[in-house]
Amino acid sequence: DTMRKIALITLMAFAAPAFAADLTADTMLGKTMDEVKTTLTDMGYEVRKAEMEDGNIEVYFVKDGKMGEVYVNPETGAITKLDVKN
């Protein structure tokens, strides 16, 4: 039983980084505002505001005390601009 608990804790430790992933230019966030917000939330980001701007989905977020914004192309789901402030 103790071994099972250790195995489970180890498994959870390996799974955790996927949820606490950092955004990169290659991160696919989604093609709709709701998809983008859900993906960011699942990654551990707190979504503060989302809107359409210049044809892109613009989302303001907070993570680990840092604020940032990301622009996503709704046709591809790809990040076009990422700006994180310290």
PDB file of N, CA and C in Angstrom:
ATOM      1  N   ASP A   1       0.830  -1.213   0.000  1.00  0.00           N
ATOM      2  CA  ASP A   1       0.000   0.000   0.000  1.00  0.00           C
ATOM      3  C   ASP A   1       0.864   1.262   0.000  1.00  0.00           C
ATOM      4  N   THR A   2       1.942   1.224   0.784  1.00  0.00           N
ATOM      5  CA  THR A   2       2.857   2.364   0.823  1.00  0.00           C
ATOM      6  C   THR A   2       3.521   2.555  -0.543  1.00  0.00           C
ATOM      7  N   MET A   3       3.891   1.432  -1.161  1.00  0.00           N
ATOM      8  CA  MET A   3       4.519   1.522  -2.488  1.00  0.00           C
ATOM      9  C   MET A   3       3.558   2.129  -3.509  1.00  0.00           C
ATOM     10  N   ARG A   4       2.273   1.775  -3.383  1.00  0.00           N
ATOM     11  CA  ARG A   4       1.276   2.305  -4.305  1.00  0.00           C
ATOM     12  C   ARG A   4       1.172   3.824  -4.140  1.00  0.00           C
ATOM     13  N   LYS A   5       1.203   4.305  -2.904  1.00  0.00           N
ATOM     14  CA  LYS A   5       1.132   5.744  -2.644  1.00  0.00           C
ATOM     15  C   LYS A   5       2.347   6.457  -3.220  1.00  0.00           C
ATOM     16  N   ILE A   6       3.521   5.867  -3.042  1.00  0.00           N
ATOM     17  CA  ILE A   6       4.753   6.470  -3.570  1.00  0.00           C
ATOM     18  C   ILE A   6       4.686   6.535  -5.095  1.00  0.00           C
ATOM     19  N   ALA A   7       4.225   5.449  -5.709  1.00  0.00           N
ATOM     20  CA  ALA A   7       4.096   5.416  -7.171  1.00  0.00           C
ATOM     21  C   ALA A   7       3.132   6.491  -7.655  1.00  0.00           C
ATOM     22  N   LEU A   8       2.024   6.668  -6.939  1.00  0.00           N
ATOM     23  CA  LEU A   8       1.023   7.666  -7.320  1.00  0.00           C
ATOM     24  C   LEU A   8       1.590   9.078  -7.192  1.00  0.00           C
ATOM     25  N   ILE A   9       2.299   9.335  -6.105  1.00  0.00           N
ATOM     26  CA  ILE A   9       2.921  10.660  -5.892  1.00  0.00           C
ATOM     27  C   ILE A   9       3.941  10.934  -6.994  1.00  0.00           C
ATOM     28  N   THR A  10       4.744   9.924  -7.327  1.00  0.00           N
ATOM     29  CA  THR A  10       5.744  10.072  -8.389  1.00  0.00           C
ATOM     30  C   THR A  10       5.071  10.378  -9.719  1.00  0.00           C
ATOM     31  N   LEU A  11       4.001   9.642 -10.013  1.00  0.00           N
ATOM     32  CA  LEU A  11       3.259   9.845 -11.256  1.00  0.00           C
ATOM     33  C   LEU A  11       2.697  11.260 -11.326  1.00  0.00           C
ATOM     34  N   MET A  12       2.141  11.729 -10.212  1.00  0.00           N
ATOM     35  CA  MET A  12       1.580  13.075 -10.179  1.00  0.00           C
ATOM     36  C   MET A  12       2.668  14.134 -10.371  1.00  0.00           C
ATOM     37  N   ALA A  13       3.842  13.885  -9.830  1.00  0.00           N
ATOM     38  CA  ALA A  13       4.950  14.836  -9.966  1.00  0.00           C
ATOM     39  C   ALA A  13       5.359  14.973 -11.438  1.00  0.00           C
ATOM     40  N   PHE A  14       5.329  13.864 -12.163  1.00  0.00           N
ATOM     41  CA  PHE A  14       5.686  13.914 -13.586  1.00  0.00           C
ATOM     42  C   PHE A  14       4.581  14.541 -14.425  1.00  0.00           C
ATOM     43  N   ALA A  15       3.339  14.384 -14.018  1.00  0.00           N
ATOM     44  CA  ALA A  15       2.210  14.918 -14.771  1.00  0.00           C
ATOM     45  C   ALA A  15       2.059  16.427 -14.564  1.00  0.00           C
ATOM     46  N   ALA A  16       2.460  16.918 -13.404  1.00  0.00           N
ATOM     47  CA  ALA A  16       2.244  18.321 -13.048  1.00  0.00           C
ATOM     48  C   ALA A  16       2.827  19.334 -14.041  1.00  0.00           C
ATOM     49  N   PRO A  17       4.052  19.164 -14.530  1.00  0.00           N
ATOM     50  CA  PRO A  17       4.611  20.187 -15.430  1.00  0.00           C
ATOM     51  C   PRO A  17       3.774  20.456 -16.670  1.00  0.00           C
ATOM     52  N   ALA A  18       3.039  19.478 -17.150  1.00  0.00           N
ATOM     53  CA  ALA A  18       2.198  19.680 -18.327  1.00  0.00           C
ATOM     54  C   ALA A  18       1.121  20.724 -18.044  1.00  0.00           C
ATOM     55  N   PHE A  19       0.636  20.752 -16.810  1.00  0.00           N
ATOM     56  CA  PHE A  19      -0.411  21.706 -16.456  1.00  0.00           C
ATOM     57  C   PHE A  19       0.171  23.070 -16.126  1.00  0.00           C
ATOM     58  N   ALA A  20       1.427  23.110 -15.703  1.00  0.00           N
ATOM     59  CA  ALA A  20       2.058  24.372 -15.332  1.00  0.00           C
ATOM     60  C   ALA A  20       3.015  24.815 -16.439  1.00  0.00           C
ATOM     61  N   ALA A  21       2.658  24.469 -17.659  1.00  0.00           N
ATOM     62  CA  ALA A  21       3.517  24.777 -18.800  1.00  0.00           C
ATOM     63  C   ALA A  21       3.613  26.280 -19.020  1.00  0.00           C
ATOM     64  N   ASP A  22       4.740  26.690 -19.535  1.00  0.00           N
ATOM     65  CA  ASP A  22       4.906  28.095 -19.887  1.00  0.00           C
ATOM     66  C   ASP A  22       4.536  28.291 -21.345  1.00  0.00           C
ATOM     67  N   LEU A  23       4.034  29.464 -21.628  1.00  0.00           N
ATOM     68  CA  LEU A  23       3.681  29.789 -23.010  1.00  0.00           C
ATOM     69  C   LEU A  23       4.941  29.976 -23.837  1.00  0.00           C
ATOM     70  N   THR A  24       4.922  29.456 -25.045  1.00  0.00           N
ATOM     71  CA  THR A  24       5.987  29.725 -26.007  1.00  0.00           C
ATOM     72  C   THR A  24       5.312  30.085 -27.326  1.00  0.00           C
ATOM     73  N   ALA A  25       6.100  30.529 -28.266  1.00  0.00           N
ATOM     74  CA  ALA A  25       5.557  30.908 -29.572  1.00  0.00           C
ATOM     75  C   ALA A  25       4.908  29.714 -30.268  1.00  0.00           C
ATOM     76  N   ASP A  26       5.263  28.490 -29.847  1.00  0.00           N
ATOM     77  CA  ASP A  26       4.725  27.284 -30.480  1.00  0.00           C
ATOM     78  C   ASP A  26       3.447  26.772 -29.816  1.00  0.00           C
ATOM     79  N   THR A  27       3.063  27.362 -28.686  1.00  0.00           N
ATOM     80  CA  THR A  27       1.887  26.884 -27.975  1.00  0.00           C
ATOM     81  C   THR A  27       0.625  27.156 -28.780  1.00  0.00           C
ATOM     82  N   MET A  28      -0.169  26.102 -29.004  1.00  0.00           N
ATOM     83  CA  MET A  28      -1.440  26.253 -29.699  1.00  0.00           C
ATOM     84  C   MET A  28      -2.516  26.463 -28.637  1.00  0.00           C
ATOM     85  N   LEU A  29      -3.162  27.622 -28.646  1.00  0.00           N
ATOM     86  CA  LEU A  29      -4.106  27.957 -27.591  1.00  0.00           C
ATOM     87  C   LEU A  29      -5.563  27.734 -27.975  1.00  0.00           C
ATOM     88  N   GLY A  30      -5.867  27.752 -29.243  1.00  0.00           N
ATOM     89  CA  GLY A  30      -7.248  27.560 -29.679  1.00  0.00           C
ATOM     90  C   GLY A  30      -7.655  28.614 -30.688  1.00  0.00           C
ATOM     91  N   LYS A  31      -8.773  28.345 -31.356  1.00  0.00           N
ATOM     92  CA  LYS A  31      -9.228  29.231 -32.430  1.00  0.00           C
ATOM     93  C   LYS A  31     -10.402  30.115 -32.032  1.00  0.00           C
ATOM     94  N   THR A  32     -10.913  29.940 -30.805  1.00  0.00           N
ATOM     95  CA  THR A  32     -11.978  30.818 -30.316  1.00  0.00           C
ATOM     96  C   THR A  32     -11.540  31.414 -28.985  1.00  0.00           C
ATOM     97  N   MET A  33     -12.176  32.496 -28.603  1.00  0.00           N
ATOM     98  CA  MET A  33     -11.837  33.151 -27.344  1.00  0.00           C
ATOM     99  C   MET A  33     -12.023  32.180 -26.172  1.00  0.00           C
ATOM    100  N   ASP A  34     -13.121  31.397 -26.197  1.00  0.00           N
ATOM    101  CA  ASP A  34     -13.368  30.441 -25.112  1.00  0.00           C
ATOM    102  C   ASP A  34     -12.294  29.365 -25.056  1.00  0.00           C
ATOM    103  N   GLU A  35     -11.869  28.863 -26.218  1.00  0.00           N
ATOM    104  CA  GLU A  35     -10.817  27.844 -26.253  1.00  0.00           C
ATOM    105  C   GLU A  35      -9.518  28.403 -25.684  1.00  0.00           C
ATOM    106  N   VAL A  36      -9.177  29.619 -26.070  1.00  0.00           N
ATOM    107  CA  VAL A  36      -7.943  30.248 -25.600  1.00  0.00           C
ATOM    108  C   VAL A  36      -7.991  30.431 -24.080  1.00  0.00           C
ATOM    109  N   LYS A  37      -9.116  30.927 -23.573  1.00  0.00           N
ATOM    110  CA  LYS A  37      -9.257  31.141 -22.128  1.00  0.00           C
ATOM    111  C   LYS A  37      -9.168  29.815 -21.368  1.00  0.00           C
ATOM    112  N   THR A  38      -9.826  28.771 -21.901  1.00  0.00           N
ATOM    113  CA  THR A  38      -9.803  27.455 -21.244  1.00  0.00           C
ATOM    114  C   THR A  38      -8.394  26.887 -21.228  1.00  0.00           C
ATOM    115  N   THR A  39      -7.689  26.969 -22.356  1.00  0.00           N
ATOM    116  CA  THR A  39      -6.329  26.442 -22.438  1.00  0.00           C
ATOM    117  C   THR A  39      -5.414  27.157 -21.447  1.00  0.00           C
ATOM    118  N   LEU A  40      -5.500  28.484 -21.400  1.00  0.00           N
ATOM    119  CA  LEU A  40      -4.671  29.254 -20.466  1.00  0.00           C
ATOM    120  C   LEU A  40      -4.989  28.891 -19.016  1.00  0.00           C
ATOM    121  N   THR A  41      -6.274  28.771 -18.703  1.00  0.00           N
ATOM    122  CA  THR A  41      -6.683  28.407 -17.341  1.00  0.00           C
ATOM    123  C   THR A  41      -6.143  27.027 -16.977  1.00  0.00           C
ATOM    124  N   ASP A  42      -6.241  26.076 -17.915  1.00  0.00           N
ATOM    125  CA  ASP A  42      -5.737  24.721 -17.680  1.00  0.00           C
ATOM    126  C   ASP A  42      -4.217  24.713 -17.475  1.00  0.00           C
ATOM    127  N   MET A  43      -3.532  25.690 -18.073  1.00  0.00           N
ATOM    128  CA  MET A  43      -2.072  25.791 -17.923  1.00  0.00           C
ATOM    129  C   MET A  43      -1.675  26.514 -16.637  1.00  0.00           C
ATOM    130  N   GLY A  44      -2.669  26.969 -15.877  1.00  0.00           N
ATOM    131  CA  GLY A  44      -2.346  27.615 -14.604  1.00  0.00           C
ATOM    132  C   GLY A  44      -2.348  29.129 -14.653  1.00  0.00           C
ATOM    133  N   TYR A  45      -2.811  29.688 -15.764  1.00  0.00           N
ATOM    134  CA  TYR A  45      -2.879  31.143 -15.891  1.00  0.00           C
ATOM    135  C   TYR A  45      -4.244  31.639 -15.418  1.00  0.00           C
ATOM    136  N   GLU A  46      -4.252  32.812 -14.811  1.00  0.00           N
ATOM    137  CA  GLU A  46      -5.513  33.443 -14.418  1.00  0.00           C
ATOM    138  C   GLU A  46      -5.869  34.455 -15.493  1.00  0.00           C
ATOM    139  N   VAL A  47      -6.953  34.195 -16.208  1.00  0.00           N
ATOM    140  CA  VAL A  47      -7.373  35.077 -17.295  1.00  0.00           C
ATOM    141  C   VAL A  47      -8.109  36.273 -16.705  1.00  0.00           C
ATOM    142  N   ARG A  48      -7.634  37.471 -17.029  1.00  0.00           N
ATOM    143  CA  ARG A  48      -8.245  38.698 -16.509  1.00  0.00           C
ATOM    144  C   ARG A  48      -9.205  39.344 -17.502  1.00  0.00           C
ATOM    145  N   LYS A  49      -8.853  39.285 -18.788  1.00  0.00           N
ATOM    146  CA  LYS A  49      -9.654  39.975 -19.797  1.00  0.00           C
ATOM    147  C   LYS A  49      -9.369  39.348 -21.160  1.00  0.00           C
ATOM    148  N   ALA A  50     -10.403  39.250 -21.982  1.00  0.00           N
ATOM    149  CA  ALA A  50     -10.217  38.733 -23.336  1.00  0.00           C
ATOM    150  C   ALA A  50     -11.070  39.542 -24.286  1.00  0.00           C
ATOM    151  N   GLU A  51     -10.510  39.871 -25.438  1.00  0.00           N
ATOM    152  CA  GLU A  51     -11.248  40.656 -26.428  1.00  0.00           C
ATOM    153  C   GLU A  51     -10.644  40.432 -27.803  1.00  0.00           C
ATOM    154  N   MET A  52     -11.378  40.838 -28.823  1.00  0.00           N
ATOM    155  CA  MET A  52     -10.856  40.793 -30.190  1.00  0.00           C
ATOM    156  C   MET A  52     -10.186  42.129 -30.479  1.00  0.00           C
ATOM    157  N   GLU A  53      -8.985  42.073 -31.038  1.00  0.00           N
ATOM    158  CA  GLU A  53      -8.296  43.300 -31.414  1.00  0.00           C
ATOM    159  C   GLU A  53      -7.517  43.070 -32.701  1.00  0.00           C
ATOM    160  N   ASP A  54      -7.767  43.893 -33.694  1.00  0.00           N
ATOM    161  CA  ASP A  54      -7.101  43.790 -34.994  1.00  0.00           C
ATOM    162  C   ASP A  54      -7.185  42.378 -35.576  1.00  0.00           C
ATOM    163  N   GLY A  55      -8.336  41.729 -35.392  1.00  0.00           N
ATOM    164  CA  GLY A  55      -8.532  40.399 -35.950  1.00  0.00           C
ATOM    165  C   GLY A  55      -7.927  39.269 -35.134  1.00  0.00           C
ATOM    166  N   ASN A  56      -7.246  39.601 -34.040  1.00  0.00           N
ATOM    167  CA  ASN A  56      -6.649  38.585 -33.176  1.00  0.00           C
ATOM    168  C   ASN A  56      -7.414  38.503 -31.856  1.00  0.00           C
ATOM    169  N   ILE A  57      -7.311  37.342 -31.211  1.00  0.00           N
ATOM    170  CA  ILE A  57      -7.858  37.180 -29.869  1.00  0.00           C
ATOM    171  C   ILE A  57      -6.782  37.691 -28.908  1.00  0.00           C
ATOM    172  N   GLU A  58      -7.137  38.678 -28.102  1.00  0.00           N
ATOM    173  CA  GLU A  58      -6.178  39.264 -27.161  1.00  0.00           C
ATOM    174  C   GLU A  58      -6.615  38.890 -25.754  1.00  0.00           C
ATOM    175  N   VAL A  59      -5.705  38.279 -24.989  1.00  0.00           N
ATOM    176  CA  VAL A  59      -6.033  37.846 -23.634  1.00  0.00           C
ATOM    177  C   VAL A  59      -4.992  38.376 -22.657  1.00  0.00           C
ATOM    178  N   TYR A  60      -5.481  39.005 -21.594  1.00  0.00           N
ATOM    179  CA  TYR A  60      -4.609  39.466 -20.513  1.00  0.00           C
ATOM    180  C   TYR A  60      -4.665  38.425 -19.404  1.00  0.00           C
ATOM    181  N   PHE A  61      -3.491  38.094 -18.849  1.00  0.00           N
ATOM    182  CA  PHE A  61      -3.436  37.037 -17.843  1.00  0.00           C
ATOM    183  C   PHE A  61      -2.453  37.383 -16.723  1.00  0.00           C
ATOM    184  N   VAL A  62      -2.557  36.614 -15.634  1.00  0.00           N
ATOM    185  CA  VAL A  62      -1.624  36.723 -14.512  1.00  0.00           C
ATOM    186  C   VAL A  62      -1.181  35.311 -14.147  1.00  0.00           C
ATOM    187  N   LYS A  63       0.125  35.153 -13.898  1.00  0.00           N
ATOM    188  CA  LYS A  63       0.643  33.875 -13.410  1.00  0.00           C
ATOM    189  C   LYS A  63       1.870  34.153 -12.561  1.00  0.00           C
ATOM    190  N   ASP A  64       1.912  33.563 -11.387  1.00  0.00           N
ATOM    191  CA  ASP A  64       3.044  33.725 -10.471  1.00  0.00           C
ATOM    192  C   ASP A  64       3.341  35.201 -10.215  1.00  0.00           C
ATOM    193  N   GLY A  65       2.286  36.008 -10.128  1.00  0.00           N
ATOM    194  CA  GLY A  65       2.458  37.425  -9.842  1.00  0.00           C
ATOM    195  C   GLY A  65       2.891  38.257 -11.033  1.00  0.00           C
ATOM    196  N   LYS A  66       3.050  37.633 -12.197  1.00  0.00           N
ATOM    197  CA  LYS A  66       3.453  38.361 -13.407  1.00  0.00           C
ATOM    198  C   LYS A  66       2.251  38.530 -14.315  1.00  0.00           C
ATOM    199  N   MET A  67       2.085  39.751 -14.820  1.00  0.00           N
ATOM    200  CA  MET A  67       0.997  40.018 -15.763  1.00  0.00           C
ATOM    201  C   MET A  67       1.524  39.896 -17.181  1.00  0.00           C
ATOM    202  N   GLY A  68       0.631  39.559 -18.085  1.00  0.00           N
ATOM    203  CA  GLY A  68       1.048  39.466 -19.474  1.00  0.00           C
ATOM    204  C   GLY A  68      -0.147  39.516 -20.393  1.00  0.00           C
ATOM    205  N   GLU A  69       0.159  39.549 -21.670  1.00  0.00           N
ATOM    206  CA  GLU A  69      -0.898  39.493 -22.671  1.00  0.00           C
ATOM    207  C   GLU A  69      -0.423  38.631 -23.822  1.00  0.00           C
ATOM    208  N   VAL A  70      -1.389  37.997 -24.458  1.00  0.00           N
ATOM    209  CA  VAL A  70      -1.067  37.137 -25.584  1.00  0.00           C
ATOM    210  C   VAL A  70      -2.082  37.417 -26.696  1.00  0.00           C
ATOM    211  N   TYR A  71      -1.579  37.421 -27.912  1.00  0.00           N
ATOM    212  CA  TYR A  71      -2.440  37.593 -29.087  1.00  0.00           C
ATOM    213  C   TYR A  71      -2.433  36.264 -29.841  1.00  0.00           C
ATOM    214  N   VAL A  72      -3.622  35.804 -30.234  1.00  0.00           N
ATOM    215  CA  VAL A  72      -3.751  34.526 -30.926  1.00  0.00           C
ATOM    216  C   VAL A  72      -4.488  34.732 -32.245  1.00  0.00           C
ATOM    217  N   ASN A  73      -3.954  34.136 -33.307  1.00  0.00           N
ATOM    218  CA  ASN A  73      -4.596  34.174 -34.613  1.00  0.00           C
ATOM    219  C   ASN A  73      -5.750  33.176 -34.596  1.00  0.00           C
ATOM    220  N   PRO A  74      -7.017  33.643 -34.741  1.00  0.00           N
ATOM    221  CA  PRO A  74      -8.157  32.727 -34.663  1.00  0.00           C
ATOM    222  C   PRO A  74      -8.239  31.744 -35.831  1.00  0.00           C
ATOM    223  N   GLU A  75      -7.527  32.005 -36.911  1.00  0.00           N
ATOM    224  CA  GLU A  75      -7.563  31.084 -38.052  1.00  0.00           C
ATOM    225  C   GLU A  75      -6.652  29.886 -37.844  1.00  0.00           C
ATOM    226  N   THR A  76      -5.538  30.098 -37.117  1.00  0.00           N
ATOM    227  CA  THR A  76      -4.565  29.020 -36.927  1.00  0.00           C
ATOM    228  C   THR A  76      -4.502  28.525 -35.483  1.00  0.00           C
ATOM    229  N   GLY A  77      -4.937  29.350 -34.518  1.00  0.00           N
ATOM    230  CA  GLY A  77      -4.817  28.998 -33.105  1.00  0.00           C
ATOM    231  C   GLY A  77      -3.436  29.266 -32.551  1.00  0.00           C
ATOM    232  N   ALA A  78      -2.560  29.835 -33.388  1.00  0.00           N
ATOM    233  CA  ALA A  78      -1.170  30.074 -32.992  1.00  0.00           C
ATOM    234  C   ALA A  78      -0.989  31.460 -32.360  1.00  0.00           C
ATOM    235  N   ILE A  79      -0.001  31.550 -31.499  1.00  0.00           N
ATOM    236  CA  ILE A  79       0.332  32.824 -30.851  1.00  0.00           C
ATOM    237  C   ILE A  79       1.043  33.724 -31.859  1.00  0.00           C
ATOM    238  N   THR A  80       0.564  34.965 -31.979  1.00  0.00           N
ATOM    239  CA  THR A  80       1.230  35.919 -32.862  1.00  0.00           C
ATOM    240  C   THR A  80       2.079  36.908 -32.071  1.00  0.00           C
ATOM    241  N   LYS A  81       1.718  37.127 -30.793  1.00  0.00           N
ATOM    242  CA  LYS A  81       2.494  38.024 -29.954  1.00  0.00           C
ATOM    243  C   LYS A  81       2.317  37.601 -28.499  1.00  0.00           C
ATOM    244  N   LEU A  82       3.416  37.609 -27.746  1.00  0.00           N
ATOM    245  CA  LEU A  82       3.384  37.264 -26.329  1.00  0.00           C
ATOM    246  C   LEU A  82       4.200  38.285 -25.576  1.00  0.00           C
ATOM    247  N   ASP A  83       3.607  38.882 -24.558  1.00  0.00           N
ATOM    248  CA  ASP A  83       4.289  39.918 -23.795  1.00  0.00           C
ATOM    249  C   ASP A  83       4.046  39.671 -22.311  1.00  0.00           C
ATOM    250  N   VAL A  84       5.098  39.314 -21.578  1.00  0.00           N
ATOM    251  CA  VAL A  84       4.982  39.078 -20.144  1.00  0.00           C
ATOM    252  C   VAL A  84       5.776  40.151 -19.405  1.00  0.00           C
ATOM    253  N   LYS A  85       5.112  40.811 -18.460  1.00  0.00           N
ATOM    254  CA  LYS A  85       5.768  41.861 -17.708  1.00  0.00           C
ATOM    255  C   LYS A  85       6.219  41.293 -16.358  1.00  0.00           C
ATOM    256  N   ASN A  86       7.378  41.717 -15.907  1.00  0.00           N
ATOM    257  CA  ASN A  86       7.884  41.222 -14.620  1.00  0.00           C
ATOM    258  C   ASN A  86       7.353  42.018 -13.462  1.00  0.00           C
TER     259      ASN A  86
END
